[in-house]
Amino acid sequence: MIPKPKSEAWVLCALRERYQNCQRLENESGNDDSPNSLKKQLEEHLGKPATRELLNDKIDQGNLDISQIIDMPSLKAFKDRLDEVLDNLGLPQQDY
C-alpha cells in the first residue's frame, strides 16, 4: 500500500498546519523531483532532513498526533485499507 499523496502531506498537516486547512496538501505532487515537493516542504519546515528518528521524536514529544489528522481523506483511505488487510490476516486493527 502506497499513500497518495505521500505521507509527508500528513506530517505537514500535523506540524505546519496544526491540523487545519490540510485539503490543499491532498493535491500536492508526490514526485520528489518536483520543485515544491512535499518532501522538500517538510524538510524546509523542519530545517533538516525528515528522518525516521526525527519524526519518531516528534511523536514521542507529542508534536505529531495521527489521531488529529485521521479525517484527511487520503489518510482515512489508507487506514481503511490497512484495517482491511489486518482483518484479512486476522490481526487486530489499530485505534487512532
PDB file of N, CA and C in Angstrom:
ATOM      1  N   MET A   1       0.840  -1.173   0.000  1.00  0.00           N
ATOM      2  CA  MET A   1       0.000   0.000   0.000  1.00  0.00           C
ATOM      3  C   MET A   1       0.887   1.239   0.000  1.00  0.00           C
ATOM      4  N   ILE A   2       0.591   2.119  -0.897  1.00  0.00           N
ATOM      5  CA  ILE A   2       1.346   3.362  -1.006  1.00  0.00           C
ATOM      6  C   ILE A   2       0.382   4.522  -0.793  1.00  0.00           C
ATOM      7  N   PRO A   3       0.688   5.394   0.169  1.00  0.00           N
ATOM      8  CA  PRO A   3      -0.206   6.532   0.396  1.00  0.00           C
ATOM      9  C   PRO A   3      -0.169   7.507  -0.764  1.00  0.00           C
ATOM     10  N   LYS A   4      -1.314   8.091  -1.073  1.00  0.00           N
ATOM     11  CA  LYS A   4      -1.393   9.122  -2.100  1.00  0.00           C
ATOM     12  C   LYS A   4      -2.254  10.236  -1.544  1.00  0.00           C
ATOM     13  N   PRO A   5      -1.780  11.401  -1.307  1.00  0.00           N
ATOM     14  CA  PRO A   5      -0.413  11.815  -1.615  1.00  0.00           C
ATOM     15  C   PRO A   5       0.560  11.137  -0.660  1.00  0.00           C
ATOM     16  N   LYS A   6       1.785  11.487  -0.760  1.00  0.00           N
ATOM     17  CA  LYS A   6       2.798  10.882   0.096  1.00  0.00           C
ATOM     18  C   LYS A   6       2.509  11.186   1.561  1.00  0.00           C
ATOM     19  N   SER A   7       3.035  10.348   2.413  1.00  0.00           N
ATOM     20  CA  SER A   7       2.790  10.518   3.845  1.00  0.00           C
ATOM     21  C   SER A   7       3.324  11.847   4.372  1.00  0.00           C
ATOM     22  N   GLU A   8       4.236  12.481   3.648  1.00  0.00           N
ATOM     23  CA  GLU A   8       4.717  13.796   4.059  1.00  0.00           C
ATOM     24  C   GLU A   8       3.574  14.795   4.173  1.00  0.00           C
ATOM     25  N   ALA A   9       2.527  14.616   3.376  1.00  0.00           N
ATOM     26  CA  ALA A   9       1.367  15.519   3.451  1.00  0.00           C
ATOM     27  C   ALA A   9       0.720  15.415   4.828  1.00  0.00           C
ATOM     28  N   TRP A  10       0.633  14.219   5.358  1.00  0.00           N
ATOM     29  CA  TRP A  10       0.019  14.029   6.671  1.00  0.00           C
ATOM     30  C   TRP A  10       0.870  14.669   7.757  1.00  0.00           C
ATOM     31  N   VAL A  11       2.179  14.502   7.661  1.00  0.00           N
ATOM     32  CA  VAL A  11       3.082  15.072   8.663  1.00  0.00           C
ATOM     33  C   VAL A  11       3.064  16.597   8.575  1.00  0.00           C
ATOM     34  N   LEU A  12       3.073  17.129   7.353  1.00  0.00           N
ATOM     35  CA  LEU A  12       2.986  18.580   7.184  1.00  0.00           C
ATOM     36  C   LEU A  12       1.695  19.129   7.773  1.00  0.00           C
ATOM     37  N   CYS A  13       0.620  18.421   7.558  1.00  0.00           N
ATOM     38  CA  CYS A  13      -0.660  18.857   8.114  1.00  0.00           C
ATOM     39  C   CYS A  13      -0.559  18.970   9.623  1.00  0.00           C
ATOM     40  N   ALA A  14       0.047  17.986  10.228  1.00  0.00           N
ATOM     41  CA  ALA A  14       0.153  17.966  11.681  1.00  0.00           C
ATOM     42  C   ALA A  14       1.105  19.042  12.205  1.00  0.00           C
ATOM     43  N   LEU A  15       2.229  19.215  11.554  1.00  0.00           N
ATOM     44  CA  LEU A  15       3.250  20.124  12.074  1.00  0.00           C
ATOM     45  C   LEU A  15       3.070  21.568  11.626  1.00  0.00           C
ATOM     46  N   ARG A  16       2.792  21.761  10.357  1.00  0.00           N
ATOM     47  CA  ARG A  16       2.754  23.128   9.834  1.00  0.00           C
ATOM     48  C   ARG A  16       1.365  23.729   9.919  1.00  0.00           C
ATOM     49  N   GLU A  17       0.374  22.957   9.615  1.00  0.00           N
ATOM     50  CA  GLU A  17      -0.987  23.484   9.538  1.00  0.00           C
ATOM     51  C   GLU A  17      -1.756  23.328  10.846  1.00  0.00           C
ATOM     52  N   ARG A  18      -1.142  22.677  11.822  1.00  0.00           N
ATOM     53  CA  ARG A  18      -1.809  22.421  13.101  1.00  0.00           C
ATOM     54  C   ARG A  18      -3.187  21.805  12.883  1.00  0.00           C
ATOM     55  N   TYR A  19      -3.231  20.864  11.938  1.00  0.00           N
ATOM     56  CA  TYR A  19      -4.433  20.074  11.653  1.00  0.00           C
ATOM     57  C   TYR A  19      -5.560  20.882  11.022  1.00  0.00           C
ATOM     58  N   GLN A  20      -5.245  22.061  10.484  1.00  0.00           N
ATOM     59  CA  GLN A  20      -6.264  22.899   9.857  1.00  0.00           C
ATOM     60  C   GLN A  20      -5.907  23.139   8.395  1.00  0.00           C
ATOM     61  N   ASN A  21      -6.916  23.260   7.560  1.00  0.00           N
ATOM     62  CA  ASN A  21      -6.731  23.636   6.153  1.00  0.00           C
ATOM     63  C   ASN A  21      -5.766  22.708   5.417  1.00  0.00           C
ATOM     64  N   CYS A  22      -5.875  21.432   5.643  1.00  0.00           N
ATOM     65  CA  CYS A  22      -4.953  20.467   5.051  1.00  0.00           C
ATOM     66  C   CYS A  22      -5.405  19.980   3.675  1.00  0.00           C
ATOM     67  N   GLN A  23      -6.573  20.410   3.252  1.00  0.00           N
ATOM     68  CA  GLN A  23      -7.118  19.935   1.976  1.00  0.00           C
ATOM     69  C   GLN A  23      -6.157  20.170   0.813  1.00  0.00           C
ATOM     70  N   ARG A  24      -5.483  21.313   0.806  1.00  0.00           N
ATOM     71  CA  ARG A  24      -4.593  21.616  -0.317  1.00  0.00           C
ATOM     72  C   ARG A  24      -3.427  20.638  -0.394  1.00  0.00           C
ATOM     73  N   LEU A  25      -3.036  20.076   0.743  1.00  0.00           N
ATOM     74  CA  LEU A  25      -1.944  19.108   0.750  1.00  0.00           C
ATOM     75  C   LEU A  25      -2.340  17.801   0.058  1.00  0.00           C
ATOM     76  N   GLU A  26      -3.634  17.531   0.007  1.00  0.00           N
ATOM     77  CA  GLU A  26      -4.123  16.306  -0.635  1.00  0.00           C
ATOM     78  C   GLU A  26      -3.797  16.278  -2.130  1.00  0.00           C
ATOM     79  N   ASN A  27      -3.629  17.446  -2.731  1.00  0.00           N
ATOM     80  CA  ASN A  27      -3.415  17.522  -4.178  1.00  0.00           C
ATOM     81  C   ASN A  27      -1.975  17.831  -4.575  1.00  0.00           C
ATOM     82  N   GLU A  28      -1.073  17.871  -3.606  1.00  0.00           N
ATOM     83  CA  GLU A  28       0.326  18.157  -3.906  1.00  0.00           C
ATOM     84  C   GLU A  28       0.966  16.980  -4.638  1.00  0.00           C
ATOM     85  N   SER A  29       1.985  17.278  -5.390  1.00  0.00           N
ATOM     86  CA  SER A  29       2.699  16.256  -6.141  1.00  0.00           C
ATOM     87  C   SER A  29       3.476  15.345  -5.204  1.00  0.00           C
ATOM     88  N   GLY A  30       3.451  14.064  -5.503  1.00  0.00           N
ATOM     89  CA  GLY A  30       4.231  13.097  -4.750  1.00  0.00           C
ATOM     90  C   GLY A  30       5.616  12.891  -5.324  1.00  0.00           C
ATOM     91  N   ASN A  31       5.932  13.622  -6.383  1.00  0.00           N
ATOM     92  CA  ASN A  31       7.219  13.481  -7.056  1.00  0.00           C
ATOM     93  C   ASN A  31       8.287  14.256  -6.295  1.00  0.00           C
ATOM     94  N   ASP A  32       9.292  13.540  -5.764  1.00  0.00           N
ATOM     95  CA  ASP A  32      10.355  14.200  -5.009  1.00  0.00           C
ATOM     96  C   ASP A  32      11.182  15.152  -5.870  1.00  0.00           C
ATOM     97  N   ASP A  33      11.131  14.988  -7.194  1.00  0.00           N
ATOM     98  CA  ASP A  33      11.880  15.867  -8.091  1.00  0.00           C
ATOM     99  C   ASP A  33      11.127  17.155  -8.414  1.00  0.00           C
ATOM    100  N   SER A  34       9.894  17.255  -7.950  1.00  0.00           N
ATOM    101  CA  SER A  34       9.098  18.460  -8.166  1.00  0.00           C
ATOM    102  C   SER A  34       9.757  19.630  -7.427  1.00  0.00           C
ATOM    103  N   PRO A  35       9.721  20.832  -8.008  1.00  0.00           N
ATOM    104  CA  PRO A  35      10.366  21.977  -7.350  1.00  0.00           C
ATOM    105  C   PRO A  35       9.783  22.297  -5.972  1.00  0.00           C
ATOM    106  N   ASN A  36       8.542  21.938  -5.736  1.00  0.00           N
ATOM    107  CA  ASN A  36       7.908  22.203  -4.446  1.00  0.00           C
ATOM    108  C   ASN A  36       7.343  20.905  -3.867  1.00  0.00           C
ATOM    109  N   SER A  37       8.149  19.849  -3.902  1.00  0.00           N
ATOM    110  CA  SER A  37       7.683  18.532  -3.459  1.00  0.00           C
ATOM    111  C   SER A  37       7.318  18.553  -1.981  1.00  0.00           C
ATOM    112  N   LEU A  38       6.466  17.627  -1.598  1.00  0.00           N
ATOM    113  CA  LEU A  38       6.078  17.515  -0.195  1.00  0.00           C
ATOM    114  C   LEU A  38       7.295  17.231   0.682  1.00  0.00           C
ATOM    115  N   LYS A  39       8.196  16.413   0.194  1.00  0.00           N
ATOM    116  CA  LYS A  39       9.407  16.110   0.961  1.00  0.00           C
ATOM    117  C   LYS A  39      10.228  17.377   1.203  1.00  0.00           C
ATOM    118  N   LYS A  40      10.390  18.192   0.154  1.00  0.00           N
ATOM    119  CA  LYS A  40      11.141  19.444   0.296  1.00  0.00           C
ATOM    120  C   LYS A  40      10.418  20.396   1.251  1.00  0.00           C
ATOM    121  N   GLN A  41       9.095  20.465   1.150  1.00  0.00           N
ATOM    122  CA  GLN A  41       8.333  21.326   2.048  1.00  0.00           C
ATOM    123  C   GLN A  41       8.494  20.888   3.500  1.00  0.00           C
ATOM    124  N   LEU A  42       8.458  19.575   3.731  1.00  0.00           N
ATOM    125  CA  LEU A  42       8.601  19.065   5.087  1.00  0.00           C
ATOM    126  C   LEU A  42       9.988  19.365   5.638  1.00  0.00           C
ATOM    127  N   GLU A  43      11.006  19.111   4.834  1.00  0.00           N
ATOM    128  CA  GLU A  43      12.369  19.358   5.305  1.00  0.00           C
ATOM    129  C   GLU A  43      12.631  20.851   5.510  1.00  0.00           C
ATOM    130  N   GLU A  44      12.014  21.676   4.676  1.00  0.00           N
ATOM    131  CA  GLU A  44      12.136  23.129   4.868  1.00  0.00           C
ATOM    132  C   GLU A  44      11.478  23.540   6.180  1.00  0.00           C
ATOM    133  N   HIS A  45      10.319  22.984   6.455  1.00  0.00           N
ATOM    134  CA  HIS A  45       9.627  23.305   7.705  1.00  0.00           C
ATOM    135  C   HIS A  45      10.436  22.849   8.917  1.00  0.00           C
ATOM    136  N   LEU A  46      11.011  21.662   8.837  1.00  0.00           N
ATOM    137  CA  LEU A  46      11.784  21.113   9.954  1.00  0.00           C
ATOM    138  C   LEU A  46      13.156  21.764  10.088  1.00  0.00           C
ATOM    139  N   GLY A  47      13.673  22.275   8.968  1.00  0.00           N
ATOM    140  CA  GLY A  47      15.007  22.855   8.972  1.00  0.00           C
ATOM    141  C   GLY A  47      16.109  21.817   8.902  1.00  0.00           C
ATOM    142  N   LYS A  48      15.738  20.581   8.617  1.00  0.00           N
ATOM    143  CA  LYS A  48      16.699  19.486   8.491  1.00  0.00           C
ATOM    144  C   LYS A  48      15.996  18.299   7.845  1.00  0.00           C
ATOM    145  N   PRO A  49      16.769  17.286   7.431  1.00  0.00           N
ATOM    146  CA  PRO A  49      16.147  16.114   6.800  1.00  0.00           C
ATOM    147  C   PRO A  49      15.115  15.453   7.719  1.00  0.00           C
ATOM    148  N   ALA A  50      14.035  15.013   7.108  1.00  0.00           N
ATOM    149  CA  ALA A  50      12.941  14.383   7.851  1.00  0.00           C
ATOM    150  C   ALA A  50      13.239  12.897   8.030  1.00  0.00           C
ATOM    151  N   THR A  51      14.126  12.594   8.938  1.00  0.00           N
ATOM    152  CA  THR A  51      14.496  11.200   9.179  1.00  0.00           C
ATOM    153  C   THR A  51      13.434  10.506  10.025  1.00  0.00           C
ATOM    154  N   ARG A  52      13.439   9.190   9.981  1.00  0.00           N
ATOM    155  CA  ARG A  52      12.519   8.408  10.793  1.00  0.00           C
ATOM    156  C   ARG A  52      12.727   8.739  12.276  1.00  0.00           C
ATOM    157  N   GLU A  53      13.980   8.873  12.679  1.00  0.00           N
ATOM    158  CA  GLU A  53      14.290   9.173  14.072  1.00  0.00           C
ATOM    159  C   GLU A  53      13.706  10.524  14.498  1.00  0.00           C
ATOM    160  N   LEU A  54      13.876  11.527  13.644  1.00  0.00           N
ATOM    161  CA  LEU A  54      13.347  12.856  13.956  1.00  0.00           C
ATOM    162  C   LEU A  54      11.826  12.818  14.079  1.00  0.00           C
ATOM    163  N   LEU A  55      11.160  12.154  13.138  1.00  0.00           N
ATOM    164  CA  LEU A  55       9.700  12.087  13.181  1.00  0.00           C
ATOM    165  C   LEU A  55       9.227  11.280  14.383  1.00  0.00           C
ATOM    166  N   ASN A  56       9.945  10.209  14.733  1.00  0.00           N
ATOM    167  CA  ASN A  56       9.599   9.446  15.940  1.00  0.00           C
ATOM    168  C   ASN A  56       9.735  10.318  17.183  1.00  0.00           C
ATOM    169  N   ASP A  57      10.775  11.157  17.224  1.00  0.00           N
ATOM    170  CA  ASP A  57      10.948  12.082  18.347  1.00  0.00           C
ATOM    171  C   ASP A  57       9.775  13.057  18.426  1.00  0.00           C
ATOM    172  N   LYS A  58       9.321  13.544  17.273  1.00  0.00           N
ATOM    173  CA  LYS A  58       8.176  14.469  17.250  1.00  0.00           C
ATOM    174  C   LYS A  58       6.930  13.781  17.823  1.00  0.00           C
ATOM    175  N   ILE A  59       6.754  12.508  17.482  1.00  0.00           N
ATOM    176  CA  ILE A  59       5.617  11.751  18.015  1.00  0.00           C
ATOM    177  C   ILE A  59       5.770  11.589  19.519  1.00  0.00           C
ATOM    178  N   ASP A  60       6.962  11.175  19.955  1.00  0.00           N
ATOM    179  CA  ASP A  60       7.218  10.964  21.390  1.00  0.00           C
ATOM    180  C   ASP A  60       7.021  12.245  22.198  1.00  0.00           C
ATOM    181  N   GLN A  61       7.345  13.393  21.602  1.00  0.00           N
ATOM    182  CA  GLN A  61       7.224  14.680  22.283  1.00  0.00           C
ATOM    183  C   GLN A  61       5.799  15.244  22.223  1.00  0.00           C
ATOM    184  N   GLY A  62       4.908  14.535  21.521  1.00  0.00           N
ATOM    185  CA  GLY A  62       3.527  14.993  21.419  1.00  0.00           C
ATOM    186  C   GLY A  62       3.304  16.057  20.368  1.00  0.00           C
ATOM    187  N   ASN A  63       4.290  16.263  19.481  1.00  0.00           N
ATOM    188  CA  ASN A  63       4.160  17.269  18.426  1.00  0.00           C
ATOM    189  C   ASN A  63       3.502  16.742  17.167  1.00  0.00           C
ATOM    190  N   LEU A  64       3.300  15.446  17.104  1.00  0.00           N
ATOM    191  CA  LEU A  64       2.704  14.818  15.926  1.00  0.00           C
ATOM    192  C   LEU A  64       1.729  13.758  16.408  1.00  0.00           C
ATOM    193  N   ASP A  65       0.440  14.006  16.224  1.00  0.00           N
ATOM    194  CA  ASP A  65      -0.616  13.130  16.722  1.00  0.00           C
ATOM    195  C   ASP A  65      -1.489  12.702  15.553  1.00  0.00           C
ATOM    196  N   ILE A  66      -1.307  11.465  15.115  1.00  0.00           N
ATOM    197  CA  ILE A  66      -2.032  10.982  13.932  1.00  0.00           C
ATOM    198  C   ILE A  66      -3.540  11.018  14.145  1.00  0.00           C
ATOM    199  N   SER A  67      -3.988  10.900  15.367  1.00  0.00           N
ATOM    200  CA  SER A  67      -5.434  10.914  15.600  1.00  0.00           C
ATOM    201  C   SER A  67      -6.050  12.255  15.217  1.00  0.00           C
ATOM    202  N   GLN A  68      -5.236  13.307  15.149  1.00  0.00           N
ATOM    203  CA  GLN A  68      -5.732  14.632  14.793  1.00  0.00           C
ATOM    204  C   GLN A  68      -5.902  14.824  13.286  1.00  0.00           C
ATOM    205  N   ILE A  69      -5.307  13.937  12.494  1.00  0.00           N
ATOM    206  CA  ILE A  69      -5.390  14.103  11.042  1.00  0.00           C
ATOM    207  C   ILE A  69      -6.101  12.930  10.369  1.00  0.00           C
ATOM    208  N   ILE A  70      -6.773  12.096  11.146  1.00  0.00           N
ATOM    209  CA  ILE A  70      -7.442  10.921  10.598  1.00  0.00           C
ATOM    210  C   ILE A  70      -8.567  11.313   9.637  1.00  0.00           C
ATOM    211  N   ASP A  71      -9.026  12.554   9.700  1.00  0.00           N
ATOM    212  CA  ASP A  71     -10.095  12.995   8.801  1.00  0.00           C
ATOM    213  C   ASP A  71      -9.588  13.410   7.425  1.00  0.00           C
ATOM    214  N   MET A  72      -8.280  13.467   7.224  1.00  0.00           N
ATOM    215  CA  MET A  72      -7.770  13.747   5.879  1.00  0.00           C
ATOM    216  C   MET A  72      -8.205  12.592   4.980  1.00  0.00           C
ATOM    217  N   PRO A  73      -8.871  12.863   3.849  1.00  0.00           N
ATOM    218  CA  PRO A  73      -9.377  11.781   3.008  1.00  0.00           C
ATOM    219  C   PRO A  73      -8.317  10.748   2.620  1.00  0.00           C
ATOM    220  N   SER A  74      -7.115  11.193   2.305  1.00  0.00           N
ATOM    221  CA  SER A  74      -6.090  10.236   1.888  1.00  0.00           C
ATOM    222  C   SER A  74      -5.640   9.352   3.049  1.00  0.00           C
ATOM    223  N   LEU A  75      -5.551   9.914   4.241  1.00  0.00           N
ATOM    224  CA  LEU A  75      -5.156   9.111   5.403  1.00  0.00           C
ATOM    225  C   LEU A  75      -6.271   8.153   5.786  1.00  0.00           C
ATOM    226  N   LYS A  76      -7.514   8.612   5.703  1.00  0.00           N
ATOM    227  CA  LYS A  76      -8.634   7.738   6.012  1.00  0.00           C
ATOM    228  C   LYS A  76      -8.675   6.569   5.042  1.00  0.00           C
ATOM    229  N   ALA A  77      -8.470   6.824   3.757  1.00  0.00           N
ATOM    230  CA  ALA A  77      -8.462   5.743   2.761  1.00  0.00           C
ATOM    231  C   ALA A  77      -7.323   4.763   3.048  1.00  0.00           C
ATOM    232  N   PHE A  78      -6.155   5.287   3.405  1.00  0.00           N
ATOM    233  CA  PHE A  78      -5.019   4.432   3.727  1.00  0.00           C
ATOM    234  C   PHE A  78      -5.330   3.582   4.961  1.00  0.00           C
ATOM    235  N   LYS A  79      -5.874   4.208   6.012  1.00  0.00           N
ATOM    236  CA  LYS A  79      -6.186   3.480   7.231  1.00  0.00           C
ATOM    237  C   LYS A  79      -7.273   2.438   6.989  1.00  0.00           C
ATOM    238  N   ASP A  80      -8.301   2.782   6.221  1.00  0.00           N
ATOM    239  CA  ASP A  80      -9.367   1.817   5.924  1.00  0.00           C
ATOM    240  C   ASP A  80      -8.801   0.589   5.215  1.00  0.00           C
ATOM    241  N   ARG A  81      -7.909   0.829   4.261  1.00  0.00           N
ATOM    242  CA  ARG A  81      -7.303  -0.296   3.537  1.00  0.00           C
ATOM    243  C   ARG A  81      -6.386  -1.100   4.459  1.00  0.00           C
ATOM    244  N   LEU A  82      -5.624  -0.426   5.304  1.00  0.00           N
ATOM    245  CA  LEU A  82      -4.766  -1.115   6.261  1.00  0.00           C
ATOM    246  C   LEU A  82      -5.600  -1.970   7.210  1.00  0.00           C
ATOM    247  N   ASP A  83      -6.700  -1.422   7.706  1.00  0.00           N
ATOM    248  CA  ASP A  83      -7.582  -2.180   8.590  1.00  0.00           C
ATOM    249  C   ASP A  83      -8.135  -3.418   7.880  1.00  0.00           C
ATOM    250  N   GLU A  84      -8.474  -3.259   6.606  1.00  0.00           N
ATOM    251  CA  GLU A  84      -8.983  -4.390   5.823  1.00  0.00           C
ATOM    252  C   GLU A  84      -7.924  -5.486   5.701  1.00  0.00           C
ATOM    253  N   VAL A  85      -6.704  -5.097   5.418  1.00  0.00           N
ATOM    254  CA  VAL A  85      -5.614  -6.069   5.301  1.00  0.00           C
ATOM    255  C   VAL A  85      -5.358  -6.744   6.648  1.00  0.00           C
ATOM    256  N   LEU A  86      -5.317  -5.964   7.716  1.00  0.00           N
ATOM    257  CA  LEU A  86      -5.110  -6.548   9.044  1.00  0.00           C
ATOM    258  C   LEU A  86      -6.215  -7.531   9.383  1.00  0.00           C
ATOM    259  N   ASP A  87      -7.445  -7.160   9.051  1.00  0.00           N
ATOM    260  CA  ASP A  87      -8.585  -8.038   9.296  1.00  0.00           C
ATOM    261  C   ASP A  87      -8.440  -9.346   8.510  1.00  0.00           C
ATOM    262  N   ASN A  88      -8.035  -9.241   7.244  1.00  0.00           N
ATOM    263  CA  ASN A  88      -7.850 -10.435   6.417  1.00  0.00           C
ATOM    264  C   ASN A  88      -6.750 -11.346   6.961  1.00  0.00           C
ATOM    265  N   LEU A  89      -5.773 -10.744   7.624  1.00  0.00           N
ATOM    266  CA  LEU A  89      -4.680 -11.509   8.217  1.00  0.00           C
ATOM    267  C   LEU A  89      -5.007 -11.994   9.629  1.00  0.00           C
ATOM    268  N   GLY A  90      -6.171 -11.596  10.137  1.00  0.00           N
ATOM    269  CA  GLY A  90      -6.564 -11.987  11.481  1.00  0.00           C
ATOM    270  C   GLY A  90      -5.833 -11.223  12.572  1.00  0.00           C
ATOM    271  N   LEU A  91      -5.333 -10.048  12.227  1.00  0.00           N
ATOM    272  CA  LEU A  91      -4.604  -9.217  13.181  1.00  0.00           C
ATOM    273  C   LEU A  91      -5.497  -8.084  13.670  1.00  0.00           C
ATOM    274  N   PRO A  92      -5.271  -7.601  14.889  1.00  0.00           N
ATOM    275  CA  PRO A  92      -6.118  -6.512  15.406  1.00  0.00           C
ATOM    276  C   PRO A  92      -5.869  -5.197  14.682  1.00  0.00           C
ATOM    277  N   GLN A  93      -6.937  -4.439  14.510  1.00  0.00           N
ATOM    278  CA  GLN A  93      -6.819  -3.106  13.928  1.00  0.00           C
ATOM    279  C   GLN A  93      -6.257  -2.157  14.969  1.00  0.00           C
ATOM    280  N   GLN A  94      -5.661  -1.083  14.497  1.00  0.00           N
ATOM    281  CA  GLN A  94      -5.097  -0.079  15.386  1.00  0.00           C
ATOM    282  C   GLN A  94      -6.111   1.040  15.597  1.00  0.00           C
ATOM    283  N   ASP A  95      -6.247   1.477  16.820  1.00  0.00           N
ATOM    284  CA  ASP A  95      -7.100   2.625  17.117  1.00  0.00           C
ATOM    285  C   ASP A  95      -6.262   3.885  17.066  1.00  0.00           C
ATOM    286  N   TYR A  96      -6.800   4.926  16.423  1.00  0.00           N
ATOM    287  CA  TYR A  96      -6.101   6.205  16.324  1.00  0.00           C
ATOM    288  C   TYR A  96      -6.994   7.301  16.804  1.00  0.00           C
TER     289      TYR A  96
END
